PDB file of N, CA and C in Angstrom:
ATOM      1  N   MET A   1      -7.420  -3.261  22.387  1.00  0.00           N
ATOM      2  CA  MET A   1      -8.805  -3.221  22.786  1.00  0.00           C
ATOM      3  C   MET A   1      -8.855  -3.413  24.300  1.00  0.00           C
ATOM      4  N   THR A   2      -9.666  -2.596  24.933  1.00  0.00           N
ATOM      5  CA  THR A   2      -9.820  -2.661  26.383  1.00  0.00           C
ATOM      6  C   THR A   2     -11.303  -2.701  26.723  1.00  0.00           C
ATOM      7  N   ASP A   3     -11.679  -3.642  27.587  1.00  0.00           N
ATOM      8  CA  ASP A   3     -13.054  -3.735  28.077  1.00  0.00           C
ATOM      9  C   ASP A   3     -13.096  -3.295  29.530  1.00  0.00           C
ATOM     10  N   THR A   4     -14.027  -2.399  29.843  1.00  0.00           N
ATOM     11  CA  THR A   4     -14.199  -1.914  31.207  1.00  0.00           C
ATOM     12  C   THR A   4     -15.668  -2.038  31.579  1.00  0.00           C
ATOM     13  N   PRO A   5     -15.975  -2.677  32.723  1.00  0.00           N
ATOM     14  CA  PRO A   5     -17.383  -2.787  33.113  1.00  0.00           C
ATOM     15  C   PRO A   5     -17.966  -1.429  33.513  1.00  0.00           C
ATOM     16  N   VAL A   6     -19.232  -1.227  33.171  1.00  0.00           N
ATOM     17  CA  VAL A   6     -19.970  -0.024  33.564  1.00  0.00           C
ATOM     18  C   VAL A   6     -20.947  -0.456  34.650  1.00  0.00           C
ATOM     19  N   HIS A   7     -20.811   0.135  35.852  1.00  0.00           N
ATOM     20  CA  HIS A   7     -21.589  -0.282  37.020  1.00  0.00           C
ATOM     21  C   HIS A   7     -22.795   0.634  37.259  1.00  0.00           C
ATOM     22  N   GLU A   8     -23.879   0.020  37.739  1.00  0.00           N
ATOM     23  CA  GLU A   8     -25.047   0.763  38.231  1.00  0.00           C
ATOM     24  C   GLU A   8     -24.697   1.289  39.623  1.00  0.00           C
ATOM     25  N   LEU A   9     -25.557   2.133  40.192  1.00  0.00           N
ATOM     26  CA  LEU A   9     -25.322   2.669  41.535  1.00  0.00           C
ATOM     27  C   LEU A   9     -25.282   1.569  42.594  1.00  0.00           C
ATOM     28  N   ASP A  10     -26.022   0.479  42.359  1.00  0.00           N
ATOM     29  CA  ASP A  10     -26.028  -0.611  43.344  1.00  0.00           C
ATOM     30  C   ASP A  10     -24.851  -1.579  43.163  1.00  0.00           C
ATOM     31  N   GLY A  11     -23.970  -1.301  42.193  1.00  0.00           N
ATOM     32  CA  GLY A  11     -22.784  -2.135  42.003  1.00  0.00           C
ATOM     33  C   GLY A  11     -22.915  -3.197  40.933  1.00  0.00           C
ATOM     34  N   THR A  12     -24.109  -3.434  40.417  1.00  0.00           N
ATOM     35  CA  THR A  12     -24.268  -4.439  39.366  1.00  0.00           C
ATOM     36  C   THR A  12     -23.702  -3.897  38.054  1.00  0.00           C
ATOM     37  N   VAL A  13     -23.267  -4.823  37.228  1.00  0.00           N
ATOM     38  CA  VAL A  13     -22.708  -4.448  35.930  1.00  0.00           C
ATOM     39  C   VAL A  13     -23.855  -4.201  34.956  1.00  0.00           C
ATOM     40  N   ALA A  14     -23.908  -2.993  34.414  1.00  0.00           N
ATOM     41  CA  ALA A  14     -24.973  -2.615  33.496  1.00  0.00           C
ATOM     42  C   ALA A  14     -24.536  -2.746  32.038  1.00  0.00           C
ATOM     43  N   GLY A  15     -23.247  -2.792  31.821  1.00  0.00           N
ATOM     44  CA  GLY A  15     -22.755  -2.887  30.453  1.00  0.00           C
ATOM     45  C   GLY A  15     -21.244  -2.899  30.422  1.00  0.00           C
ATOM     46  N   VAL A  16     -20.714  -2.809  29.236  1.00  0.00           N
ATOM     47  CA  VAL A  16     -19.266  -2.837  29.039  1.00  0.00           C
ATOM     48  C   VAL A  16     -18.880  -1.668  28.139  1.00  0.00           C
ATOM     49  N   HIS A  17     -17.839  -0.966  28.546  1.00  0.00           N
ATOM     50  CA  HIS A  17     -17.277   0.102  27.718  1.00  0.00           C
ATOM     51  C   HIS A  17     -16.060  -0.491  27.017  1.00  0.00           C
ATOM     52  N   ARG A  18     -16.103  -0.546  25.676  1.00  0.00           N
ATOM     53  CA  ARG A  18     -15.015  -1.140  24.905  1.00  0.00           C
ATOM     54  C   ARG A  18     -14.269  -0.019  24.177  1.00  0.00           C
ATOM     55  N   LEU A  19     -12.958   0.027  24.382  1.00  0.00           N
ATOM     56  CA  LEU A  19     -12.114   1.054  23.792  1.00  0.00           C
ATOM     57  C   LEU A  19     -11.211   0.412  22.744  1.00  0.00           C
ATOM     58  N   PHE A  20     -11.254   0.957  21.529  1.00  0.00           N
ATOM     59  CA  PHE A  20     -10.391   0.497  20.450  1.00  0.00           C
ATOM     60  C   PHE A  20      -9.370   1.578  20.147  1.00  0.00           C
ATOM     61  N   LEU A  21      -8.178   1.173  19.805  1.00  0.00           N
ATOM     62  CA  LEU A  21      -7.145   2.112  19.389  1.00  0.00           C
ATOM     63  C   LEU A  21      -6.919   1.951  17.893  1.00  0.00           C
ATOM     64  N   ASP A  22      -6.927   3.043  17.160  1.00  0.00           N
ATOM     65  CA  ASP A  22      -6.689   3.013  15.724  1.00  0.00           C
ATOM     66  C   ASP A  22      -5.197   2.835  15.469  1.00  0.00           C
ATOM     67  N   ARG A  23      -4.839   1.750  14.787  1.00  0.00           N
ATOM     68  CA  ARG A  23      -3.437   1.451  14.508  1.00  0.00           C
ATOM     69  C   ARG A  23      -3.110   1.599  13.030  1.00  0.00           C
ATOM     70  N   THR A  24      -3.940   2.323  12.299  1.00  0.00           N
ATOM     71  CA  THR A  24      -3.738   2.463  10.858  1.00  0.00           C
ATOM     72  C   THR A  24      -2.361   3.035  10.538  1.00  0.00           C
ATOM     73  N   ALA A  25      -1.984   4.096  11.199  1.00  0.00           N
ATOM     74  CA  ALA A  25      -0.688   4.723  10.929  1.00  0.00           C
ATOM     75  C   ALA A  25       0.464   3.758  11.204  1.00  0.00           C
ATOM     76  N   GLU A  26       0.344   2.977  12.254  1.00  0.00           N
ATOM     77  CA  GLU A  26       1.386   2.002  12.590  1.00  0.00           C
ATOM     78  C   GLU A  26       1.493   0.918  11.519  1.00  0.00           C
ATOM     79  N   VAL A  27       0.358   0.445  11.042  1.00  0.00           N
ATOM     80  CA  VAL A  27       0.347  -0.597  10.006  1.00  0.00           C
ATOM     81  C   VAL A  27       0.932  -0.052   8.706  1.00  0.00           C
ATOM     82  N   LEU A  28       0.516   1.153   8.313  1.00  0.00           N
ATOM     83  CA  LEU A  28       1.051   1.754   7.095  1.00  0.00           C
ATOM     84  C   LEU A  28       2.553   2.011   7.204  1.00  0.00           C
ATOM     85  N   ALA A  29       2.999   2.429   8.362  1.00  0.00           N
ATOM     86  CA  ALA A  29       4.429   2.683   8.563  1.00  0.00           C
ATOM     87  C   ALA A  29       5.243   1.407   8.415  1.00  0.00           C
ATOM     88  N   ALA A  30       4.668   0.262   8.720  1.00  0.00           N
ATOM     89  CA  ALA A  30       5.371  -1.014   8.542  1.00  0.00           C
ATOM     90  C   ALA A  30       5.306  -1.493   7.094  1.00  0.00           C
ATOM     91  N   ARG A  31       4.198  -1.218   6.402  1.00  0.00           N
ATOM     92  CA  ARG A  31       4.032  -1.700   5.027  1.00  0.00           C
ATOM     93  C   ARG A  31       4.864  -0.914   4.022  1.00  0.00           C
ATOM     94  N   ARG A  32       4.985   0.372   4.199  1.00  0.00           N
ATOM     95  CA  ARG A  32       5.665   1.198   3.200  1.00  0.00           C
ATOM     96  C   ARG A  32       7.131   0.811   3.012  1.00  0.00           C
ATOM     97  N   PRO A  33       7.900   0.599   4.068  1.00  0.00           N
ATOM     98  CA  PRO A  33       9.274   0.136   3.840  1.00  0.00           C
ATOM     99  C   PRO A  33       9.313  -1.241   3.165  1.00  0.00           C
ATOM    100  N   ALA A  34       8.308  -2.072   3.415  1.00  0.00           N
ATOM    101  CA  ALA A  34       8.273  -3.383   2.776  1.00  0.00           C
ATOM    102  C   ALA A  34       8.138  -3.236   1.260  1.00  0.00           C
ATOM    103  N   ILE A  35       7.337  -2.277   0.805  1.00  0.00           N
ATOM    104  CA  ILE A  35       7.188  -2.036  -0.633  1.00  0.00           C
ATOM    105  C   ILE A  35       8.510  -1.542  -1.215  1.00  0.00           C
ATOM    106  N   LEU A  36       9.156  -0.615  -0.523  1.00  0.00           N
ATOM    107  CA  LEU A  36      10.444  -0.108  -1.007  1.00  0.00           C
ATOM    108  C   LEU A  36      11.496  -1.206  -1.044  1.00  0.00           C
ATOM    109  N   ASN A  37      11.506  -2.068  -0.033  1.00  0.00           N
ATOM    110  CA  ASN A  37      12.451  -3.185  -0.019  1.00  0.00           C
ATOM    111  C   ASN A  37      12.185  -4.149  -1.163  1.00  0.00           C
ATOM    112  N   ALA A  38      10.912  -4.388  -1.459  1.00  0.00           N
ATOM    113  CA  ALA A  38      10.569  -5.273  -2.576  1.00  0.00           C
ATOM    114  C   ALA A  38      11.038  -4.667  -3.900  1.00  0.00           C
ATOM    115  N   LEU A  39      10.882  -3.369  -4.063  1.00  0.00           N
ATOM    116  CA  LEU A  39      11.386  -2.714  -5.270  1.00  0.00           C
ATOM    117  C   LEU A  39      12.901  -2.850  -5.369  1.00  0.00           C
ATOM    118  N   ALA A  40      13.589  -2.715  -4.254  1.00  0.00           N
ATOM    119  CA  ALA A  40      15.050  -2.820  -4.252  1.00  0.00           C
ATOM    120  C   ALA A  40      15.524  -4.239  -4.553  1.00  0.00           C
ATOM    121  N   ARG A  41      14.715  -5.255  -4.213  1.00  0.00           N
ATOM    122  CA  ARG A  41      15.107  -6.653  -4.423  1.00  0.00           C
ATOM    123  C   ARG A  41      14.784  -7.179  -5.817  1.00  0.00           C
ATOM    124  N   THR A  42      14.111  -6.380  -6.639  1.00  0.00           N
ATOM    125  CA  THR A  42      13.756  -6.872  -7.966  1.00  0.00           C
ATOM    126  C   THR A  42      15.010  -7.142  -8.779  1.00  0.00           C
ATOM    127  N   GLU A  43      14.880  -8.081  -9.718  1.00  0.00           N
ATOM    128  CA  GLU A  43      16.018  -8.426 -10.564  1.00  0.00           C
ATOM    129  C   GLU A  43      16.390  -7.242 -11.448  1.00  0.00           C
ATOM    130  N   ARG A  44      17.644  -7.195 -11.797  1.00  0.00           N
ATOM    131  CA  ARG A  44      18.126  -6.111 -12.643  1.00  0.00           C
ATOM    132  C   ARG A  44      17.476  -6.241 -14.021  1.00  0.00           C
ATOM    133  N   ALA A  45      16.917  -5.154 -14.494  1.00  0.00           N
ATOM    134  CA  ALA A  45      16.230  -5.148 -15.784  1.00  0.00           C
ATOM    135  C   ALA A  45      17.238  -4.925 -16.908  1.00  0.00           C
ATOM    136  N   SER A  46      16.868  -5.405 -18.082  1.00  0.00           N
ATOM    137  CA  SER A  46      17.762  -5.238 -19.229  1.00  0.00           C
ATOM    138  C   SER A  46      17.626  -3.861 -19.876  1.00  0.00           C
ATOM    139  N   GLY A  47      16.580  -3.142 -19.521  1.00  0.00           N
ATOM    140  CA  GLY A  47      16.388  -1.809 -20.100  1.00  0.00           C
ATOM    141  C   GLY A  47      15.419  -0.994 -19.270  1.00  0.00           C
ATOM    142  N   ARG A  48      15.245   0.262 -19.675  1.00  0.00           N
ATOM    143  CA  ARG A  48      14.367   1.169 -18.929  1.00  0.00           C
ATOM    144  C   ARG A  48      12.916   0.710 -18.951  1.00  0.00           C
ATOM    145  N   ARG A  49      12.447   0.271 -20.115  1.00  0.00           N
ATOM    146  CA  ARG A  49      11.053  -0.158 -20.236  1.00  0.00           C
ATOM    147  C   ARG A  49      10.788  -1.369 -19.337  1.00  0.00           C
ATOM    148  N   GLU A  50      11.672  -2.342 -19.361  1.00  0.00           N
ATOM    149  CA  GLU A  50      11.507  -3.534 -18.522  1.00  0.00           C
ATOM    150  C   GLU A  50      11.529  -3.164 -17.038  1.00  0.00           C
ATOM    151  N   ALA A  51      12.394  -2.236 -16.657  1.00  0.00           N
ATOM    152  CA  ALA A  51      12.461  -1.805 -15.257  1.00  0.00           C
ATOM    153  C   ALA A  51      11.168  -1.120 -14.832  1.00  0.00           C
ATOM    154  N   LEU A  52      10.638  -0.254 -15.695  1.00  0.00           N
ATOM    155  CA  LEU A  52       9.400   0.459 -15.378  1.00  0.00           C
ATOM    156  C   LEU A  52       8.226  -0.507 -15.285  1.00  0.00           C
ATOM    157  N   VAL A  53       8.118  -1.419 -16.238  1.00  0.00           N
ATOM    158  CA  VAL A  53       7.021  -2.388 -16.225  1.00  0.00           C
ATOM    159  C   VAL A  53       7.118  -3.265 -14.978  1.00  0.00           C
ATOM    160  N   GLY A  54       8.322  -3.696 -14.614  1.00  0.00           N
ATOM    161  CA  GLY A  54       8.502  -4.504 -13.408  1.00  0.00           C
ATOM    162  C   GLY A  54       8.092  -3.760 -12.146  1.00  0.00           C
ATOM    163  N   ALA A  55       8.448  -2.486 -12.070  1.00  0.00           N
ATOM    164  CA  ALA A  55       8.076  -1.682 -10.907  1.00  0.00           C
ATOM    165  C   ALA A  55       6.562  -1.496 -10.837  1.00  0.00           C
ATOM    166  N   LEU A  56       5.923  -1.252 -11.993  1.00  0.00           N
ATOM    167  CA  LEU A  56       4.469  -1.082 -12.006  1.00  0.00           C
ATOM    168  C   LEU A  56       3.760  -2.376 -11.619  1.00  0.00           C
ATOM    169  N   HIS A  57       4.270  -3.516 -12.059  1.00  0.00           N
ATOM    170  CA  HIS A  57       3.679  -4.798 -11.662  1.00  0.00           C
ATOM    171  C   HIS A  57       3.777  -4.997 -10.151  1.00  0.00           C
ATOM    172  N   LEU A  58       4.937  -4.668  -9.587  1.00  0.00           N
ATOM    173  CA  LEU A  58       5.110  -4.821  -8.140  1.00  0.00           C
ATOM    174  C   LEU A  58       4.188  -3.878  -7.383  1.00  0.00           C
ATOM    175  N   LEU A  59       4.095  -2.638  -7.820  1.00  0.00           N
ATOM    176  CA  LEU A  59       3.229  -1.673  -7.146  1.00  0.00           C
ATOM    177  C   LEU A  59       1.759  -2.053  -7.263  1.00  0.00           C
ATOM    178  N   ASP A  60       1.393  -2.747  -8.332  1.00  0.00           N
ATOM    179  CA  ASP A  60       0.014  -3.195  -8.501  1.00  0.00           C
ATOM    180  C   ASP A  60      -0.381  -4.183  -7.411  1.00  0.00           C
ATOM    181  N   ARG A  61       0.570  -4.938  -6.909  1.00  0.00           N
ATOM    182  CA  ARG A  61       0.289  -5.925  -5.856  1.00  0.00           C
ATOM    183  C   ARG A  61       0.398  -5.341  -4.447  1.00  0.00           C
ATOM    184  N   ALA A  62       0.846  -4.097  -4.330  1.00  0.00           N
ATOM    185  CA  ALA A  62       1.000  -3.467  -3.016  1.00  0.00           C
ATOM    186  C   ALA A  62      -0.372  -3.076  -2.479  1.00  0.00           C
ATOM    187  N   PRO A  63      -0.706  -3.486  -1.263  1.00  0.00           N
ATOM    188  CA  PRO A  63      -2.055  -3.239  -0.744  1.00  0.00           C
ATOM    189  C   PRO A  63      -2.392  -1.767  -0.519  1.00  0.00           C
ATOM    190  N   ASP A  64      -1.402  -0.923  -0.351  1.00  0.00           N
ATOM    191  CA  ASP A  64      -1.667   0.477  -0.037  1.00  0.00           C
ATOM    192  C   ASP A  64      -1.391   1.423  -1.199  1.00  0.00           C
ATOM    193  N   VAL A  65      -1.227   0.880  -2.398  1.00  0.00           N
ATOM    194  CA  VAL A  65      -1.010   1.704  -3.587  1.00  0.00           C
ATOM    195  C   VAL A  65      -2.234   1.526  -4.479  1.00  0.00           C
ATOM    196  N   PRO A  66      -3.143   2.514  -4.498  1.00  0.00           N
ATOM    197  CA  PRO A  66      -4.376   2.349  -5.272  1.00  0.00           C
ATOM    198  C   PRO A  66      -4.136   2.312  -6.777  1.00  0.00           C
ATOM    199  N   PHE A  67      -3.122   3.000  -7.272  1.00  0.00           N
ATOM    200  CA  PHE A  67      -2.765   2.955  -8.690  1.00  0.00           C
ATOM    201  C   PHE A  67      -1.334   3.467  -8.826  1.00  0.00           C
ATOM    202  N   ALA A  68      -0.734   3.181  -9.956  1.00  0.00           N
ATOM    203  CA  ALA A  68       0.608   3.679 -10.242  1.00  0.00           C
ATOM    204  C   ALA A  68       0.639   4.147 -11.683  1.00  0.00           C
ATOM    205  N   VAL A  69       1.388   5.195 -11.944  1.00  0.00           N
ATOM    206  CA  VAL A  69       1.534   5.726 -13.286  1.00  0.00           C
ATOM    207  C   VAL A  69       3.016   5.801 -13.592  1.00  0.00           C
ATOM    208  N   GLY A  70       3.381   5.360 -14.780  1.00  0.00           N
ATOM    209  CA  GLY A  70       4.775   5.417 -15.190  1.00  0.00           C
ATOM    210  C   GLY A  70       4.929   6.221 -16.458  1.00  0.00           C
ATOM    211  N   PHE A  71       5.976   7.019 -16.523  1.00  0.00           N
ATOM    212  CA  PHE A  71       6.299   7.802 -17.711  1.00  0.00           C
ATOM    213  C   PHE A  71       7.675   7.375 -18.184  1.00  0.00           C
ATOM    214  N   LEU A  72       7.784   7.096 -19.462  1.00  0.00           N
ATOM    215  CA  LEU A  72       9.071   6.737 -20.048  1.00  0.00           C
ATOM    216  C   LEU A  72       9.335   7.701 -21.194  1.00  0.00           C
ATOM    217  N   LEU A  73      10.323   8.563 -21.024  1.00  0.00           N
ATOM    218  CA  LEU A  73      10.662   9.538 -22.064  1.00  0.00           C
ATOM    219  C   LEU A  73      11.525   8.842 -23.100  1.00  0.00           C
ATOM    220  N   ASP A  74      11.003   8.755 -24.320  1.00  0.00           N
ATOM    221  CA  ASP A  74      11.724   8.073 -25.391  1.00  0.00           C
ATOM    222  C   ASP A  74      12.600   9.015 -26.205  1.00  0.00           C
ATOM    223  N   ALA A  75      12.088  10.169 -26.519  1.00  0.00           N
ATOM    224  CA  ALA A  75      12.820  11.144 -27.320  1.00  0.00           C
ATOM    225  C   ALA A  75      12.293  12.521 -26.930  1.00  0.00           C
ATOM    226  N   PRO A  76      12.958  13.574 -27.339  1.00  0.00           N
ATOM    227  CA  PRO A  76      12.453  14.906 -27.008  1.00  0.00           C
ATOM    228  C   PRO A  76      11.009  15.090 -27.469  1.00  0.00           C
ATOM    229  N   ASP A  77      10.184  15.572 -26.571  1.00  0.00           N
ATOM    230  CA  ASP A  77       8.772  15.867 -26.827  1.00  0.00           C
ATOM    231  C   ASP A  77       7.905  14.650 -27.118  1.00  0.00           C
ATOM    232  N   THR A  78       8.376  13.447 -26.850  1.00  0.00           N
ATOM    233  CA  THR A  78       7.546  12.242 -26.989  1.00  0.00           C
ATOM    234  C   THR A  78       7.742  11.371 -25.761  1.00  0.00           C
ATOM    235  N   TRP A  79       6.713  10.660 -25.364  1.00  0.00           N
ATOM    236  CA  TRP A  79       6.816   9.752 -24.237  1.00  0.00           C
ATOM    237  C   TRP A  79       5.729   8.697 -24.307  1.00  0.00           C
ATOM    238  N   ASP A  80       5.993   7.607 -23.632  1.00  0.00           N
ATOM    239  CA  ASP A  80       4.989   6.565 -23.412  1.00  0.00           C
ATOM    240  C   ASP A  80       4.489   6.731 -21.994  1.00  0.00           C
ATOM    241  N   THR A  81       3.212   6.537 -21.774  1.00  0.00           N
ATOM    242  CA  THR A  81       2.619   6.642 -20.441  1.00  0.00           C
ATOM    243  C   THR A  81       1.827   5.380 -20.165  1.00  0.00           C
ATOM    244  N   TRP A  82       1.990   4.821 -18.981  1.00  0.00           N
ATOM    245  CA  TRP A  82       1.208   3.661 -18.575  1.00  0.00           C
ATOM    246  C   TRP A  82       0.577   3.929 -17.223  1.00  0.00           C
ATOM    247  N   ALA A  83      -0.677   3.665 -17.093  1.00  0.00           N
ATOM    248  CA  ALA A  83      -1.326   3.638 -15.787  1.00  0.00           C
ATOM    249  C   ALA A  83      -1.486   2.172 -15.444  1.00  0.00           C
ATOM    250  N   CYS A  84      -1.394   1.840 -14.191  1.00  0.00           N
ATOM    251  CA  CYS A  84      -1.365   0.436 -13.819  1.00  0.00           C
ATOM    252  C   CYS A  84      -2.476   0.081 -12.833  1.00  0.00           C
ATOM    253  N   PRO A  85      -3.741   0.019 -13.274  1.00  0.00           N
ATOM    254  CA  PRO A  85      -4.768  -0.475 -12.369  1.00  0.00           C
ATOM    255  C   PRO A  85      -4.683  -1.985 -12.223  1.00  0.00           C
ATOM    256  N   SER A  86      -4.122  -2.672 -13.212  1.00  0.00           N
ATOM    257  CA  SER A  86      -3.875  -4.109 -13.115  1.00  0.00           C
ATOM    258  C   SER A  86      -2.759  -4.458 -14.093  1.00  0.00           C
ATOM    259  N   PRO A  87      -2.000  -5.515 -13.823  1.00  0.00           N
ATOM    260  CA  PRO A  87      -0.869  -5.853 -14.674  1.00  0.00           C
ATOM    261  C   PRO A  87      -1.252  -6.095 -16.138  1.00  0.00           C
ATOM    262  N   SER A  88      -2.465  -6.548 -16.382  1.00  0.00           N
ATOM    263  CA  SER A  88      -2.858  -6.867 -17.750  1.00  0.00           C
ATOM    264  C   SER A  88      -2.990  -5.628 -18.632  1.00  0.00           C
ATOM    265  N   THR A  89      -2.992  -4.432 -18.047  1.00  0.00           N
ATOM    266  CA  THR A  89      -3.155  -3.219 -18.837  1.00  0.00           C
ATOM    267  C   THR A  89      -1.842  -2.669 -19.335  1.00  0.00           C
ATOM    268  N   ILE A  90      -0.717  -3.232 -18.912  1.00  0.00           N
ATOM    269  CA  ILE A  90       0.591  -2.749 -19.364  1.00  0.00           C
ATOM    270  C   ILE A  90       0.917  -3.405 -20.690  1.00  0.00           C
ATOM    271  N   PRO A  91       1.274  -2.605 -21.709  1.00  0.00           N
ATOM    272  CA  PRO A  91       1.587  -3.189 -23.019  1.00  0.00           C
ATOM    273  C   PRO A  91       2.859  -4.013 -22.982  1.00  0.00           C
TER     274      PRO A  91
END
């Protein structure tokens, strides 16, 4: 943020020009690797379902992930699907 005085013709300060810089991209660029690192640090799961549920729980707490969807293929032509708007919705 930068403040610059705005002067009248007689030299008096008539106001302030305030300049803001959007740092959204910089903040997101720092957060995304943090989410990936958190996924990498999770404990080893005993099975595919536990691993998927653990990943969905972690993504639910990530500030920049509005929702997560997981697909677990159980057998040919059948699958379980979970959407994760909150951890309580995972079976």
